[in-house]
Amino acid sequence: MPLINQVEQNTGNRIETVLADSGYSSYANYEWLDEQKKTAYIPDQEYEHRDKLKGEPYDKSNFIYQPEKDNYVCPQGKDLIFSGVTFNRKRKQKLRIYKGTQCSTCPAKIQCTSANARQINQDFREPLRERARNLLDSPQGKFIYKKRMNMIEPIWGNIKFNKLITMFHLRGLDKVNGEWMLIALANNIQKLMVRREKIKLTI
């Protein structure tokens, strides 16, 4: 949130679309972006590893949510029904709780859960995460998100491997921020010089 606000202040332009890696995939960020009417192409960490999770038959990702019934269906075809709401103070999450109704007689119980019944917790803001996933899965989303690799990753590669800057040499947040500002300034000047030379060649 502060990063986007700073960019908008620096450029004087409103940001409509946000591309970011999974480190920014918190529910708080999804919620804020939705309130600000900004389109978020931000994969969550489960999304990035979903192929691996699909291989674990009783992972939450393999439980199907049915919004019309407001319940989940497990891989064995049994229902998990809504049983109440709780609040995780540590994570500041309001959660809907769904519990299995036939776990005691299920032959797969030992692989699924060690509790009396399997429980699924659903954050109230989970639809916002699902929207981001659907955007990333769309043809347009795949095309747009690929641009992030071209825009961002070369910067880190240039700084770390070409300029050999792999660590900070000062201590304290203020000093490290100052050191980073110098690194970023040098990188931006280099990009401007390269752009200037290309313009000369074009002319």
Protein backbone atom coordinates (compact mmCIF):
# COMPACT_ATOMS: atom_id res chain seq x y z
CA MET A 1 0.00 0.00 0.00
CA PRO A 2 2.66 2.58 0.89
CA LEU A 3 4.67 1.60 -2.19
CA ILE A 4 1.76 2.22 -4.55
CA ASN A 5 0.92 5.50 -2.83
CA GLN A 6 4.54 6.62 -3.19
CA VAL A 7 4.65 5.72 -6.89
CA GLU A 8 1.45 7.64 -7.55
CA GLN A 9 2.85 10.62 -5.67
CA ASN A 10 6.16 10.47 -7.56
CA THR A 11 4.61 10.13 -11.03
CA GLY A 12 1.40 12.09 -10.58
CA ASN A 13 -0.47 9.22 -12.24
CA ARG A 14 -3.08 6.85 -10.85
CA ILE A 15 -2.09 3.18 -10.94
CA GLU A 16 -4.88 1.06 -12.40
CA THR A 17 -3.16 -2.33 -12.64
CA VAL A 18 -0.78 -3.93 -10.15
CA LEU A 19 1.67 -6.74 -10.96
CA ALA A 20 3.46 -8.22 -7.95
CA ASP A 21 4.91 -11.51 -6.76
CA SER A 22 3.39 -13.76 -4.10
CA GLY A 23 5.19 -11.90 -1.31
CA TYR A 24 2.49 -9.23 -1.65
CA SER A 25 -0.49 -11.62 -1.66
CA SER A 26 -1.92 -10.82 1.77
CA TYR A 27 -5.67 -10.52 2.23
CA ALA A 28 -5.10 -6.97 3.49
CA ASN A 29 -3.49 -6.05 0.17
CA TYR A 30 -6.23 -7.74 -1.89
CA GLU A 31 -8.86 -5.91 0.16
CA TRP A 32 -7.17 -2.51 -0.14
CA LEU A 33 -6.67 -2.90 -3.91
CA ASP A 34 -10.33 -3.83 -4.30
CA GLU A 35 -11.41 -0.75 -2.31
CA GLN A 36 -9.15 1.41 -4.50
CA LYS A 37 -10.65 -0.13 -7.71
CA LYS A 38 -7.24 -1.39 -8.84
CA THR A 39 -6.86 -4.62 -10.79
CA ALA A 40 -4.53 -7.03 -8.99
CA TYR A 41 -2.44 -9.63 -10.80
CA ILE A 42 -0.87 -11.06 -7.65
CA PRO A 43 -0.51 -14.83 -7.22
CA ASP A 44 -0.76 -16.21 -3.70
CA GLN A 45 1.77 -18.79 -2.53
CA GLU A 46 -0.72 -21.66 -2.75
CA TYR A 47 -1.49 -20.65 -6.33
CA GLU A 48 2.19 -20.84 -7.25
CA HIS A 49 2.44 -24.37 -5.81
CA ARG A 50 -1.02 -25.63 -6.73
CA ASP A 51 0.25 -28.35 -9.07
CA LYS A 52 2.21 -29.82 -6.16
CA LEU A 53 -0.75 -29.43 -3.78
CA LYS A 54 -3.03 -31.19 -6.26
CA GLY A 55 -0.81 -34.22 -5.73
CA GLU A 56 -1.77 -34.22 -2.05
CA PRO A 57 -5.32 -35.61 -2.23
CA TYR A 58 -6.57 -34.14 1.05
CA ASP A 59 -5.10 -30.66 0.76
CA LYS A 60 -7.69 -27.88 1.09
CA SER A 61 -7.30 -27.08 -2.62
CA ASN A 62 -8.90 -30.44 -3.42
CA PHE A 63 -12.04 -29.65 -1.41
CA ILE A 64 -14.72 -28.12 -3.65
CA TYR A 65 -16.67 -25.15 -2.32
CA GLN A 66 -20.33 -24.97 -3.38
CA PRO A 67 -21.53 -21.38 -2.89
CA GLU A 68 -25.18 -22.22 -3.58
CA LYS A 69 -25.17 -24.65 -0.63
CA ASP A 70 -22.44 -22.84 1.35
CA ASN A 71 -20.56 -26.06 2.00
CA TYR A 72 -17.47 -27.97 0.91
CA VAL A 73 -17.30 -31.40 -0.66
CA CYS A 74 -14.27 -33.52 0.19
CA PRO A 75 -12.40 -35.80 -2.26
CA GLN A 76 -14.50 -38.69 -0.93
CA GLY A 77 -17.71 -36.89 -1.92
CA LYS A 78 -18.76 -36.12 1.67
CA ASP A 79 -20.05 -32.74 2.90
CA LEU A 80 -18.35 -30.27 5.21
CA ILE A 81 -21.08 -27.97 6.52
CA PHE A 82 -20.89 -24.44 7.93
CA SER A 83 -20.53 -24.57 11.71
CA GLY A 84 -19.76 -20.99 12.77
CA VAL A 85 -17.49 -17.95 12.63
CA THR A 86 -14.26 -17.26 14.49
CA PHE A 87 -11.64 -14.50 14.57
CA ASN A 88 -7.91 -15.18 14.44
CA ARG A 89 -6.49 -12.29 16.46
CA LYS A 90 -2.89 -13.02 15.53
CA ARG A 91 -3.55 -12.87 11.80
CA LYS A 92 -6.51 -10.49 12.10
CA GLN A 93 -8.65 -12.86 10.06
CA LYS A 94 -12.41 -13.37 10.29
CA LEU A 95 -13.02 -16.98 9.35
CA ARG A 96 -15.99 -19.16 8.42
CA ILE A 97 -15.59 -22.71 9.73
CA TYR A 98 -16.76 -25.82 7.89
CA LYS A 99 -16.67 -29.28 9.47
CA GLY A 100 -17.06 -32.79 8.12
CA THR A 101 -20.21 -34.72 9.03
CA GLN A 102 -19.20 -38.27 8.14
CA CYS A 103 -15.50 -38.37 9.01
CA SER A 104 -15.81 -41.05 11.71
CA THR A 105 -16.92 -43.64 9.16
CA CYS A 106 -14.71 -42.48 6.29
CA PRO A 107 -12.04 -45.01 5.21
CA ALA A 108 -9.67 -42.14 4.29
CA LYS A 109 -9.90 -40.33 7.64
CA ILE A 110 -6.37 -41.24 8.74
CA GLN A 111 -4.94 -39.67 5.56
CA CYS A 112 -7.19 -36.62 5.83
CA THR A 113 -7.11 -35.52 9.48
CA SER A 114 -6.03 -36.52 12.97
CA ALA A 115 -8.95 -34.60 14.54
CA ASN A 116 -12.42 -36.02 15.13
CA ALA A 117 -13.59 -34.30 11.96
CA ARG A 118 -11.93 -32.49 9.08
CA GLN A 119 -12.19 -28.71 9.34
CA ILE A 120 -11.82 -26.11 6.58
CA ASN A 121 -11.38 -22.43 7.45
CA GLN A 122 -12.46 -19.85 4.88
CA ASP A 123 -11.40 -16.21 5.20
CA PHE A 124 -14.27 -13.78 4.55
CA ARG A 125 -12.03 -12.14 1.94
CA GLU A 126 -11.26 -15.35 0.09
CA PRO A 127 -13.39 -14.32 -2.94
CA LEU A 128 -10.88 -11.50 -3.54
CA ARG A 129 -8.07 -14.06 -3.75
CA GLU A 130 -10.14 -16.22 -6.08
CA ARG A 131 -10.72 -13.21 -8.32
CA ALA A 132 -6.97 -12.64 -8.56
CA ARG A 133 -6.45 -16.32 -9.41
CA ASN A 134 -9.09 -16.17 -12.15
CA LEU A 135 -7.45 -13.07 -13.61
CA LEU A 136 -4.05 -14.79 -13.66
CA ASP A 137 -5.54 -17.87 -15.33
CA SER A 138 -7.18 -15.86 -18.12
CA PRO A 139 -5.34 -15.46 -21.46
CA GLN A 140 -5.10 -11.70 -20.88
CA GLY A 141 -3.81 -12.26 -17.35
CA LYS A 142 -1.09 -14.66 -18.49
CA PHE A 143 0.01 -12.17 -21.15
CA ILE A 144 0.05 -9.23 -18.73
CA TYR A 145 1.81 -11.07 -15.90
CA LYS A 146 4.61 -12.23 -18.21
CA LYS A 147 5.51 -8.55 -18.63
CA ARG A 148 6.52 -8.46 -14.98
CA MET A 149 9.44 -10.79 -15.69
CA ASN A 150 10.72 -8.38 -18.34
CA MET A 151 10.19 -5.25 -16.26
CA ILE A 152 11.42 -6.29 -12.81
CA GLU A 153 13.72 -9.31 -12.86
CA PRO A 154 16.40 -7.80 -15.17
CA ILE A 155 16.90 -4.98 -12.64
CA TRP A 156 17.82 -7.41 -9.86
CA GLY A 157 19.98 -9.43 -12.25
CA ASN A 158 21.89 -6.32 -13.32
CA ILE A 159 22.43 -5.10 -9.75
CA LYS A 160 23.38 -8.46 -8.25
CA PHE A 161 25.34 -10.16 -11.01
CA ASN A 162 26.68 -7.37 -13.23
CA LYS A 163 27.37 -4.81 -10.52
CA LEU A 164 28.13 -7.53 -7.92
CA ILE A 165 26.02 -5.84 -5.25
CA THR A 166 24.77 -8.76 -3.17
CA MET A 167 24.70 -7.26 0.32
CA PHE A 168 24.48 -3.95 2.17
CA HIS A 169 27.63 -2.59 3.80
CA LEU A 170 26.06 -0.21 6.32
CA ARG A 171 24.04 -0.86 9.45
CA GLY A 172 20.74 0.61 10.59
CA LEU A 173 17.58 1.16 8.56
CA ASP A 174 18.31 4.80 7.71
CA LYS A 175 21.81 4.02 6.44
CA VAL A 176 20.64 0.99 4.47
CA ASN A 177 17.87 3.07 2.90
CA GLY A 178 20.48 5.68 1.89
CA GLU A 179 22.74 3.01 0.42
CA TRP A 180 19.85 1.51 -1.52
CA MET A 181 18.85 4.93 -2.86
CA LEU A 182 22.36 5.36 -4.28
CA ILE A 183 22.21 1.90 -5.90
CA ALA A 184 18.80 2.65 -7.44
CA LEU A 185 19.96 6.11 -8.58
CA ALA A 186 22.99 4.63 -10.33
CA ASN A 187 20.80 2.00 -11.99
CA ASN A 188 18.33 4.63 -13.23
CA ILE A 189 21.08 6.89 -14.59
CA GLN A 190 22.52 3.96 -16.52
CA LYS A 191 19.10 3.19 -18.01
CA LEU A 192 18.64 6.84 -19.03
CA MET A 193 22.06 6.89 -20.70
CA VAL A 194 21.30 3.71 -22.64
CA ARG A 195 17.95 5.18 -23.69
CA ARG A 196 19.67 8.39 -24.78
CA GLU A 197 22.15 6.49 -26.95
CA LYS A 198 19.32 4.53 -28.58
CA ILE A 199 17.51 7.77 -29.40
CA LYS A 200 20.68 9.14 -30.99
CA LEU A 201 21.05 6.04 -33.13
CA THR A 202 17.41 6.28 -34.19
CA ILE A 203 17.80 9.93 -35.23
